Amino acid sequence: MKRIIYFISLPVVCIAAVIIIMEYTIEYPTSGIINKDAPVLTRKSIIINADLEKIWTIMANVNHWDTWQSEIENPNLTGRFIAGNSFTWKTGGLNIRSTLHTAKPFDMIGWSGPAFGSFAVHNWTFIRLPNGSIEVKVEESMEGWLVSLLPGKFQKGLESSLEIWLKALKVVAEK
């Protein structure tokens, strides 16, 4: 009986060790550039009929994201909304620590960060259209060992999540 337990537990322990090593040794680029070769890559956009300043303020107010974006819990940015500062948040059951790589007022916002088995780069661009509306473009790439194992699941989840973000932003900005 002990031999059976040993032979069953040995592969589990080995797999767990490999996962732990990968989590702590894999380094990802922090440039803020979307990885076009990532296993998961999504681009979405929406037109919002609101002032760019209002949209920017909503997005830059990280600590209030959970008041208008139902998928986010406990967002917390300590300090100002500037490149180099980090914030924590929870989405999809994952606790995430992201670092702002871009905070160019009324033009672009971007952050990146790791979560279990993954690393994401998330960029938002705001374009003022001739009619006064704002086109909000969002793109995100995800990579990592877990993302590589389950790209279809992550792709579907990311596409859904970004749609929810954009629709929620439109609703709150157009109030």
N, C-alpha and C. Protein backbone atom coordinates (compact mmCIF):
# COMPACT_ATOMS: atom_id res chain seq x y z
N MET A 1 0.82 -1.20 0.00
CA MET A 1 0.00 0.00 0.00
C MET A 1 0.87 1.27 0.00
N LYS A 2 1.95 1.23 0.79
CA LYS A 2 2.84 2.38 0.85
C LYS A 2 3.48 2.64 -0.52
N ARG A 3 3.79 1.56 -1.24
CA ARG A 3 4.40 1.71 -2.56
C ARG A 3 3.44 2.38 -3.53
N ILE A 4 2.18 2.04 -3.44
CA ILE A 4 1.17 2.64 -4.32
C ILE A 4 1.07 4.13 -4.04
N ILE A 5 0.99 4.47 -2.78
CA ILE A 5 0.91 5.89 -2.40
C ILE A 5 2.16 6.62 -2.87
N TYR A 6 3.32 6.00 -2.70
CA TYR A 6 4.58 6.60 -3.13
C TYR A 6 4.57 6.85 -4.64
N PHE A 7 4.18 5.86 -5.42
CA PHE A 7 4.20 6.00 -6.88
C PHE A 7 3.13 6.96 -7.39
N ILE A 8 2.08 7.12 -6.65
CA ILE A 8 1.05 8.10 -7.03
C ILE A 8 1.48 9.51 -6.63
N SER A 9 2.04 9.65 -5.44
CA SER A 9 2.39 10.98 -4.95
C SER A 9 3.66 11.54 -5.60
N LEU A 10 4.56 10.69 -6.03
CA LEU A 10 5.81 11.16 -6.63
C LEU A 10 5.57 12.05 -7.85
N PRO A 11 4.74 11.64 -8.84
CA PRO A 11 4.50 12.54 -9.98
C PRO A 11 3.81 13.84 -9.57
N VAL A 12 2.92 13.77 -8.61
CA VAL A 12 2.23 14.98 -8.14
C VAL A 12 3.23 15.95 -7.53
N VAL A 13 4.12 15.45 -6.71
CA VAL A 13 5.14 16.29 -6.09
C VAL A 13 6.07 16.88 -7.15
N CYS A 14 6.44 16.07 -8.14
CA CYS A 14 7.32 16.57 -9.22
C CYS A 14 6.64 17.67 -10.02
N ILE A 15 5.38 17.47 -10.36
CA ILE A 15 4.64 18.49 -11.11
C ILE A 15 4.53 19.77 -10.29
N ALA A 16 4.21 19.63 -9.01
CA ALA A 16 4.11 20.81 -8.14
C ALA A 16 5.45 21.54 -8.07
N ALA A 17 6.54 20.80 -7.98
CA ALA A 17 7.87 21.43 -7.92
C ALA A 17 8.17 22.19 -9.20
N VAL A 18 7.84 21.60 -10.34
CA VAL A 18 8.07 22.27 -11.63
C VAL A 18 7.25 23.56 -11.70
N ILE A 19 5.99 23.50 -11.28
CA ILE A 19 5.14 24.70 -11.30
C ILE A 19 5.71 25.79 -10.40
N ILE A 20 6.12 25.42 -9.21
CA ILE A 20 6.69 26.41 -8.28
C ILE A 20 7.96 27.03 -8.87
N ILE A 21 8.82 26.20 -9.43
CA ILE A 21 10.05 26.73 -10.03
C ILE A 21 9.72 27.68 -11.18
N MET A 22 8.77 27.29 -12.02
CA MET A 22 8.39 28.16 -13.14
C MET A 22 7.81 29.48 -12.65
N GLU A 23 6.98 29.43 -11.64
CA GLU A 23 6.36 30.66 -11.12
C GLU A 23 7.40 31.65 -10.61
N TYR A 24 8.46 31.14 -10.01
CA TYR A 24 9.44 32.03 -9.40
C TYR A 24 10.66 32.34 -10.26
N THR A 25 10.81 31.66 -11.39
CA THR A 25 12.00 31.90 -12.20
C THR A 25 11.73 32.52 -13.56
N ILE A 26 10.53 32.41 -14.07
CA ILE A 26 10.23 32.98 -15.38
C ILE A 26 10.16 34.49 -15.27
N GLU A 27 10.88 35.17 -16.14
CA GLU A 27 10.83 36.63 -16.17
C GLU A 27 10.19 37.07 -17.48
N TYR A 28 9.36 38.08 -17.38
CA TYR A 28 8.66 38.60 -18.54
C TYR A 28 9.13 40.03 -18.81
N PRO A 29 9.07 40.46 -20.07
CA PRO A 29 9.47 41.84 -20.38
C PRO A 29 8.51 42.84 -19.75
N THR A 30 9.02 43.98 -19.36
CA THR A 30 8.17 45.00 -18.74
C THR A 30 8.08 46.25 -19.61
N SER A 31 8.21 46.08 -20.90
CA SER A 31 8.25 47.23 -21.80
C SER A 31 6.89 47.88 -22.00
N GLY A 32 5.82 47.13 -21.78
CA GLY A 32 4.49 47.67 -22.04
C GLY A 32 4.03 47.46 -23.47
N ILE A 33 4.85 46.79 -24.26
CA ILE A 33 4.49 46.51 -25.64
C ILE A 33 3.74 45.19 -25.70
N ILE A 34 2.62 45.20 -26.40
CA ILE A 34 1.84 43.99 -26.57
C ILE A 34 2.69 42.94 -27.29
N ASN A 35 2.65 41.71 -26.78
CA ASN A 35 3.38 40.62 -27.40
C ASN A 35 2.51 40.03 -28.51
N LYS A 36 2.83 40.38 -29.74
CA LYS A 36 2.04 39.92 -30.88
C LYS A 36 2.15 38.41 -31.11
N ASP A 37 3.13 37.77 -30.47
CA ASP A 37 3.30 36.32 -30.59
C ASP A 37 2.77 35.56 -29.38
N ALA A 38 2.11 36.26 -28.47
CA ALA A 38 1.57 35.62 -27.26
C ALA A 38 0.48 34.62 -27.64
N PRO A 39 0.30 33.57 -26.84
CA PRO A 39 -0.74 32.59 -27.15
C PRO A 39 -2.15 33.17 -27.08
N VAL A 40 -2.30 34.27 -26.34
CA VAL A 40 -3.61 34.93 -26.24
C VAL A 40 -3.41 36.41 -26.53
N LEU A 41 -4.19 36.92 -27.47
CA LEU A 41 -4.09 38.32 -27.87
C LEU A 41 -5.48 38.79 -28.29
N THR A 42 -5.92 39.89 -27.73
CA THR A 42 -7.26 40.41 -28.04
C THR A 42 -7.19 41.92 -28.22
N ARG A 43 -7.95 42.39 -29.21
CA ARG A 43 -8.12 43.83 -29.45
C ARG A 43 -9.61 44.11 -29.58
N LYS A 44 -10.07 45.15 -28.90
CA LYS A 44 -11.47 45.55 -28.94
C LYS A 44 -11.53 47.07 -28.96
N SER A 45 -12.68 47.60 -29.38
CA SER A 45 -12.88 49.06 -29.31
C SER A 45 -14.36 49.36 -29.17
N ILE A 46 -14.63 50.59 -28.76
CA ILE A 46 -16.00 51.06 -28.59
C ILE A 46 -16.01 52.57 -28.78
N ILE A 47 -17.13 53.10 -29.23
CA ILE A 47 -17.31 54.54 -29.35
C ILE A 47 -18.11 55.01 -28.14
N ILE A 48 -17.60 56.03 -27.46
CA ILE A 48 -18.26 56.57 -26.28
C ILE A 48 -18.59 58.04 -26.53
N ASN A 49 -19.83 58.40 -26.25
CA ASN A 49 -20.28 59.78 -26.42
C ASN A 49 -20.17 60.50 -25.08
N ALA A 50 -18.96 60.87 -24.74
CA ALA A 50 -18.68 61.57 -23.49
C ALA A 50 -17.38 62.34 -23.67
N ASP A 51 -17.14 63.27 -22.75
CA ASP A 51 -15.89 64.03 -22.78
C ASP A 51 -14.70 63.11 -22.51
N LEU A 52 -13.64 63.33 -23.23
CA LEU A 52 -12.42 62.55 -23.02
C LEU A 52 -11.92 62.71 -21.59
N GLU A 53 -12.04 63.91 -21.04
CA GLU A 53 -11.58 64.16 -19.67
C GLU A 53 -12.35 63.29 -18.68
N LYS A 54 -13.65 63.11 -18.92
CA LYS A 54 -14.47 62.27 -18.02
C LYS A 54 -14.03 60.81 -18.13
N ILE A 55 -13.83 60.34 -19.35
CA ILE A 55 -13.41 58.96 -19.56
C ILE A 55 -12.05 58.72 -18.89
N TRP A 56 -11.13 59.65 -19.10
CA TRP A 56 -9.80 59.54 -18.48
C TRP A 56 -9.91 59.47 -16.96
N THR A 57 -10.71 60.34 -16.39
CA THR A 57 -10.86 60.39 -14.93
C THR A 57 -11.40 59.06 -14.40
N ILE A 58 -12.38 58.50 -15.08
CA ILE A 58 -12.96 57.22 -14.67
C ILE A 58 -11.89 56.13 -14.69
N MET A 59 -11.13 56.08 -15.76
CA MET A 59 -10.10 55.04 -15.89
C MET A 59 -8.94 55.26 -14.92
N ALA A 60 -8.58 56.50 -14.68
CA ALA A 60 -7.44 56.80 -13.80
C ALA A 60 -7.79 56.63 -12.32
N ASN A 61 -9.06 56.55 -12.00
CA ASN A 61 -9.49 56.40 -10.62
C ASN A 61 -9.59 54.91 -10.27
N VAL A 62 -8.46 54.25 -10.24
CA VAL A 62 -8.37 52.80 -10.03
C VAL A 62 -9.16 52.35 -8.81
N ASN A 63 -9.07 53.10 -7.72
CA ASN A 63 -9.70 52.68 -6.47
C ASN A 63 -11.22 52.62 -6.55
N HIS A 64 -11.79 53.13 -7.63
CA HIS A 64 -13.25 53.09 -7.79
C HIS A 64 -13.69 52.21 -8.96
N TRP A 65 -12.77 51.47 -9.56
CA TRP A 65 -13.15 50.60 -10.67
C TRP A 65 -14.28 49.65 -10.29
N ASP A 66 -14.26 49.15 -9.06
CA ASP A 66 -15.27 48.17 -8.67
C ASP A 66 -16.68 48.76 -8.54
N THR A 67 -16.80 50.09 -8.59
CA THR A 67 -18.13 50.70 -8.51
C THR A 67 -18.85 50.67 -9.86
N TRP A 68 -18.12 50.44 -10.93
CA TRP A 68 -18.75 50.42 -12.25
C TRP A 68 -18.38 49.19 -13.09
N GLN A 69 -17.37 48.45 -12.67
CA GLN A 69 -16.94 47.26 -13.42
C GLN A 69 -17.16 46.04 -12.54
N SER A 70 -18.18 45.26 -12.86
CA SER A 70 -18.64 44.17 -11.99
C SER A 70 -17.63 43.04 -11.82
N GLU A 71 -16.68 42.90 -12.70
CA GLU A 71 -15.71 41.80 -12.60
C GLU A 71 -14.53 42.13 -11.68
N ILE A 72 -14.46 43.34 -11.19
CA ILE A 72 -13.31 43.76 -10.40
C ILE A 72 -13.68 43.88 -8.93
N GLU A 73 -12.76 43.40 -8.08
CA GLU A 73 -12.93 43.51 -6.63
C GLU A 73 -11.67 44.13 -6.03
N ASN A 74 -11.87 44.91 -5.01
CA ASN A 74 -10.79 45.46 -4.18
C ASN A 74 -9.64 46.12 -4.93
N PRO A 75 -9.92 47.00 -5.88
CA PRO A 75 -8.81 47.69 -6.54
C PRO A 75 -8.14 48.66 -5.58
N ASN A 76 -6.82 48.69 -5.59
CA ASN A 76 -6.12 49.57 -4.66
C ASN A 76 -4.82 50.09 -5.27
N LEU A 77 -4.85 51.37 -5.59
CA LEU A 77 -3.65 52.07 -6.06
C LEU A 77 -3.20 52.98 -4.93
N THR A 78 -1.97 52.75 -4.47
CA THR A 78 -1.41 53.66 -3.47
C THR A 78 -0.52 54.62 -4.23
N GLY A 79 -0.75 55.88 -4.01
CA GLY A 79 0.02 56.87 -4.74
C GLY A 79 -0.75 57.36 -5.94
N ARG A 80 -0.05 58.09 -6.77
CA ARG A 80 -0.68 58.73 -7.93
C ARG A 80 -0.76 57.78 -9.12
N PHE A 81 -1.61 58.12 -10.05
CA PHE A 81 -1.79 57.35 -11.28
C PHE A 81 -0.72 57.78 -12.27
N ILE A 82 0.50 57.26 -12.06
CA ILE A 82 1.63 57.59 -12.93
C ILE A 82 2.41 56.31 -13.24
N ALA A 83 3.11 56.33 -14.36
CA ALA A 83 3.93 55.19 -14.76
C ALA A 83 4.91 54.84 -13.64
N GLY A 84 5.04 53.56 -13.38
CA GLY A 84 5.93 53.08 -12.34
C GLY A 84 5.21 52.69 -11.07
N ASN A 85 4.03 53.26 -10.83
CA ASN A 85 3.28 52.90 -9.63
C ASN A 85 2.48 51.62 -9.88
N SER A 86 2.27 50.87 -8.81
CA SER A 86 1.56 49.60 -8.90
C SER A 86 0.23 49.66 -8.19
N PHE A 87 -0.66 48.76 -8.59
CA PHE A 87 -1.94 48.62 -7.92
C PHE A 87 -2.29 47.14 -7.83
N THR A 88 -3.12 46.82 -6.85
CA THR A 88 -3.59 45.45 -6.69
C THR A 88 -5.08 45.43 -6.97
N TRP A 89 -5.55 44.29 -7.42
CA TRP A 89 -6.96 44.12 -7.71
C TRP A 89 -7.25 42.64 -7.85
N LYS A 90 -8.51 42.32 -7.87
CA LYS A 90 -8.91 40.93 -8.01
C LYS A 90 -9.91 40.84 -9.14
N THR A 91 -9.70 39.88 -10.02
CA THR A 91 -10.63 39.64 -11.12
C THR A 91 -10.56 38.17 -11.48
N GLY A 92 -11.70 37.59 -11.79
CA GLY A 92 -11.74 36.18 -12.17
C GLY A 92 -11.18 35.26 -11.09
N GLY A 93 -11.29 35.67 -9.83
CA GLY A 93 -10.79 34.86 -8.73
C GLY A 93 -9.29 34.98 -8.48
N LEU A 94 -8.60 35.77 -9.30
CA LEU A 94 -7.16 35.93 -9.14
C LEU A 94 -6.81 37.26 -8.50
N ASN A 95 -5.90 37.22 -7.55
CA ASN A 95 -5.33 38.45 -7.01
C ASN A 95 -4.19 38.86 -7.93
N ILE A 96 -4.23 40.12 -8.36
CA ILE A 96 -3.26 40.59 -9.35
C ILE A 96 -2.56 41.84 -8.84
N ARG A 97 -1.28 41.92 -9.13
CA ARG A 97 -0.51 43.14 -8.87
C ARG A 97 -0.01 43.63 -10.21
N SER A 98 -0.51 44.77 -10.63
CA SER A 98 -0.14 45.34 -11.92
C SER A 98 0.68 46.60 -11.71
N THR A 99 1.54 46.88 -12.67
CA THR A 99 2.35 48.09 -12.62
C THR A 99 2.03 48.93 -13.86
N LEU A 100 1.73 50.20 -13.62
CA LEU A 100 1.47 51.12 -14.73
C LEU A 100 2.76 51.34 -15.51
N HIS A 101 2.73 51.10 -16.79
CA HIS A 101 3.89 51.40 -17.63
C HIS A 101 3.63 52.66 -18.45
N THR A 102 2.36 53.04 -18.60
CA THR A 102 2.01 54.24 -19.35
C THR A 102 0.82 54.91 -18.68
N ALA A 103 0.92 56.20 -18.48
CA ALA A 103 -0.20 57.00 -17.97
C ALA A 103 -0.09 58.38 -18.62
N LYS A 104 -0.38 58.42 -19.90
CA LYS A 104 -0.27 59.65 -20.69
C LYS A 104 -1.66 60.28 -20.76
N PRO A 105 -1.89 61.35 -19.98
CA PRO A 105 -3.24 61.90 -19.85
C PRO A 105 -3.95 62.12 -21.19
N PHE A 106 -5.18 61.64 -21.22
CA PHE A 106 -6.11 61.80 -22.34
C PHE A 106 -5.64 61.12 -23.62
N ASP A 107 -4.65 60.24 -23.52
CA ASP A 107 -4.11 59.58 -24.71
C ASP A 107 -3.99 58.07 -24.53
N MET A 108 -3.25 57.63 -23.50
CA MET A 108 -2.98 56.21 -23.36
C MET A 108 -2.75 55.82 -21.91
N ILE A 109 -3.25 54.63 -21.56
CA ILE A 109 -3.03 54.02 -20.25
C ILE A 109 -2.57 52.60 -20.51
N GLY A 110 -1.61 52.14 -19.73
CA GLY A 110 -1.19 50.75 -19.87
C GLY A 110 -0.60 50.21 -18.59
N TRP A 111 -0.82 48.94 -18.37
CA TRP A 111 -0.24 48.27 -17.22
C TRP A 111 0.12 46.84 -17.60
N SER A 112 0.94 46.24 -16.78
CA SER A 112 1.30 44.84 -16.98
C SER A 112 1.53 44.20 -15.63
N GLY A 113 1.50 42.88 -15.64
CA GLY A 113 1.75 42.19 -14.39
C GLY A 113 1.50 40.70 -14.49
N PRO A 114 2.05 39.97 -13.52
CA PRO A 114 1.87 38.52 -13.49
C PRO A 114 0.66 38.13 -12.65
N ALA A 115 0.13 36.98 -12.97
CA ALA A 115 -0.83 36.27 -12.12
C ALA A 115 -0.44 34.81 -12.26
N PHE A 116 -1.00 33.95 -11.48
CA PHE A 116 -0.58 32.55 -11.47
C PHE A 116 -0.52 31.97 -12.88
N GLY A 117 0.67 31.60 -13.33
CA GLY A 117 0.85 30.97 -14.63
C GLY A 117 0.70 31.87 -15.82
N SER A 118 0.65 33.18 -15.57
CA SER A 118 0.41 34.09 -16.70
C SER A 118 1.08 35.45 -16.48
N PHE A 119 1.22 36.16 -17.58
CA PHE A 119 1.70 37.53 -17.55
C PHE A 119 0.92 38.27 -18.63
N ALA A 120 0.38 39.44 -18.27
CA ALA A 120 -0.45 40.19 -19.22
C ALA A 120 0.08 41.61 -19.40
N VAL A 121 -0.07 42.11 -20.62
CA VAL A 121 0.17 43.51 -20.94
C VAL A 121 -1.16 44.04 -21.44
N HIS A 122 -1.61 45.14 -20.84
CA HIS A 122 -2.96 45.66 -21.07
C HIS A 122 -2.83 47.14 -21.42
N ASN A 123 -3.23 47.53 -22.63
CA ASN A 123 -3.10 48.92 -23.09
C ASN A 123 -4.43 49.49 -23.55
N TRP A 124 -4.67 50.73 -23.18
CA TRP A 124 -5.87 51.47 -23.58
C TRP A 124 -5.43 52.73 -24.34
N THR A 125 -6.11 53.02 -25.44
CA THR A 125 -5.84 54.22 -26.22
C THR A 125 -7.16 54.97 -26.41
N PHE A 126 -7.10 56.30 -26.29
CA PHE A 126 -8.29 57.15 -26.41
C PHE A 126 -8.10 58.08 -27.60
N ILE A 127 -9.05 58.04 -28.53
CA ILE A 127 -8.94 58.83 -29.76
C ILE A 127 -10.17 59.72 -29.90
N ARG A 128 -9.93 61.03 -29.95
CA ARG A 128 -11.02 61.99 -30.14
C ARG A 128 -11.41 61.99 -31.62
N LEU A 129 -12.67 61.71 -31.91
CA LEU A 129 -13.17 61.66 -33.28
C LEU A 129 -13.70 63.03 -33.71
N PRO A 130 -13.78 63.30 -35.02
CA PRO A 130 -14.23 64.61 -35.51
C PRO A 130 -15.62 65.02 -34.98
N ASN A 131 -16.48 64.05 -34.71
CA ASN A 131 -17.83 64.39 -34.22
C ASN A 131 -17.87 64.61 -32.70
N GLY A 132 -16.72 64.53 -32.03
CA GLY A 132 -16.66 64.76 -30.60
C GLY A 132 -16.72 63.49 -29.76
N SER A 133 -17.10 62.39 -30.37
CA SER A 133 -17.10 61.11 -29.66
C SER A 133 -15.66 60.65 -29.43
N ILE A 134 -15.53 59.68 -28.56
CA ILE A 134 -14.21 59.13 -28.25
C ILE A 134 -14.19 57.65 -28.61
N GLU A 135 -13.19 57.26 -29.39
CA GLU A 135 -12.99 55.84 -29.64
C GLU A 135 -12.01 55.33 -28.59
N VAL A 136 -12.45 54.33 -27.85
CA VAL A 136 -11.59 53.71 -26.84
C VAL A 136 -11.16 52.36 -27.40
N LYS A 137 -9.85 52.20 -27.54
CA LYS A 137 -9.29 50.94 -28.02
C LYS A 137 -8.57 50.27 -26.86
N VAL A 138 -8.76 48.98 -26.74
CA VAL A 138 -8.06 48.22 -25.71
C VAL A 138 -7.45 46.99 -26.36
N GLU A 139 -6.24 46.68 -25.94
CA GLU A 139 -5.58 45.46 -26.42
C GLU A 139 -4.84 44.83 -25.25
N GLU A 140 -4.81 43.52 -25.27
CA GLU A 140 -4.14 42.80 -24.19
C GLU A 140 -3.52 41.53 -24.74
N SER A 141 -2.31 41.26 -24.30
CA SER A 141 -1.66 39.99 -24.62
C SER A 141 -1.42 39.24 -23.31
N MET A 142 -1.55 37.93 -23.39
CA MET A 142 -1.30 37.08 -22.23
C MET A 142 -0.38 35.94 -22.65
N GLU A 143 0.57 35.66 -21.79
CA GLU A 143 1.50 34.56 -22.02
C GLU A 143 1.80 33.91 -20.69
N GLY A 144 2.53 32.83 -20.71
CA GLY A 144 2.88 32.11 -19.49
C GLY A 144 2.57 30.64 -19.65
N TRP A 145 3.08 29.84 -18.73
CA TRP A 145 2.93 28.39 -18.87
C TRP A 145 1.48 27.95 -18.83
N LEU A 146 0.67 28.54 -17.96
CA LEU A 146 -0.74 28.14 -17.86
C LEU A 146 -1.52 28.61 -19.09
N VAL A 147 -1.22 29.81 -19.56
CA VAL A 147 -1.87 30.33 -20.77
C VAL A 147 -1.53 29.45 -21.97
N SER A 148 -0.29 29.00 -22.05
CA SER A 148 0.13 28.12 -23.15
C SER A 148 -0.56 26.76 -23.09
N LEU A 149 -0.88 26.30 -21.89
CA LEU A 149 -1.59 25.02 -21.74
C LEU A 149 -3.07 25.13 -22.11
N LEU A 150 -3.67 26.29 -21.85
CA LEU A 150 -5.11 26.48 -22.04
C LEU A 150 -5.42 27.74 -22.86
N PRO A 151 -4.84 27.89 -24.05
CA PRO A 151 -5.03 29.14 -24.78
C PRO A 151 -6.48 29.43 -25.15
N GLY A 152 -7.24 28.41 -25.51
CA GLY A 152 -8.64 28.62 -25.88
C GLY A 152 -9.47 29.17 -24.74
N LYS A 153 -9.27 28.61 -23.56
CA LYS A 153 -10.00 29.08 -22.37
C LYS A 153 -9.63 30.52 -22.04
N PHE A 154 -8.34 30.82 -22.08
CA PHE A 154 -7.89 32.18 -21.78
C PHE A 154 -8.35 33.17 -22.85
N GLN A 155 -8.31 32.77 -24.12
CA GLN A 155 -8.75 33.66 -25.20
C GLN A 155 -10.22 34.02 -25.04
N LYS A 156 -11.04 33.02 -24.81
CA LYS A 156 -12.48 33.25 -24.63
C LYS A 156 -12.74 34.14 -23.42
N GLY A 157 -12.06 33.86 -22.32
CA GLY A 157 -12.24 34.66 -21.11
C GLY A 157 -11.79 36.10 -21.29
N LEU A 158 -10.67 36.29 -21.98
CA LEU A 158 -10.16 37.64 -22.19
C LEU A 158 -11.09 38.44 -23.09
N GLU A 159 -11.56 37.83 -24.17
CA GLU A 159 -12.47 38.53 -25.07
C GLU A 159 -13.73 38.97 -24.33
N SER A 160 -14.28 38.08 -23.54
CA SER A 160 -15.48 38.41 -22.76
C SER A 160 -15.20 39.52 -21.75
N SER A 161 -14.08 39.42 -21.07
CA SER A 161 -13.71 40.40 -20.05
C SER A 161 -13.54 41.80 -20.65
N LEU A 162 -12.85 41.89 -21.79
CA LEU A 162 -12.63 43.21 -22.40
C LEU A 162 -13.94 43.81 -22.92
N GLU A 163 -14.84 42.96 -23.41
CA GLU A 163 -16.17 43.45 -23.82
C GLU A 163 -16.91 44.05 -22.63
N ILE A 164 -16.86 43.35 -21.50
CA ILE A 164 -17.52 43.84 -20.28
C ILE A 164 -16.91 45.17 -19.85
N TRP A 165 -15.57 45.26 -19.85
CA TRP A 165 -14.88 46.51 -19.49
C TRP A 165 -15.39 47.66 -20.35
N LEU A 166 -15.35 47.47 -21.68
CA LEU A 166 -15.72 48.55 -22.59
C LEU A 166 -17.18 48.96 -22.43
N LYS A 167 -18.07 48.00 -22.35
CA LYS A 167 -19.50 48.32 -22.20
C LYS A 167 -19.76 49.03 -20.88
N ALA A 168 -19.12 48.58 -19.81
CA ALA A 168 -19.30 49.23 -18.51
C ALA A 168 -18.74 50.65 -18.52
N LEU A 169 -17.58 50.83 -19.16
CA LEU A 169 -17.00 52.17 -19.26
C LEU A 169 -17.93 53.10 -20.03
N LYS A 170 -18.50 52.61 -21.11
CA LYS A 170 -19.43 53.41 -21.91
C LYS A 170 -20.64 53.84 -21.07
N VAL A 171 -21.21 52.90 -20.34
CA VAL A 171 -22.39 53.20 -19.51
C VAL A 171 -22.07 54.27 -18.48
N VAL A 172 -20.99 54.11 -17.74
CA VAL A 172 -20.67 55.06 -16.67
C VAL A 172 -20.24 56.41 -17.24
N ALA A 173 -19.54 56.41 -18.36
CA ALA A 173 -19.07 57.68 -18.95
C ALA A 173 -20.21 58.47 -19.58
N GLU A 174 -21.21 57.79 -20.10
CA GLU A 174 -22.30 58.48 -20.78
C GLU A 174 -23.42 58.91 -19.83
N LYS A 175 -23.28 58.65 -18.54
CA LYS A 175 -24.30 59.07 -17.55
C LYS A 175 -24.31 60.57 -17.42
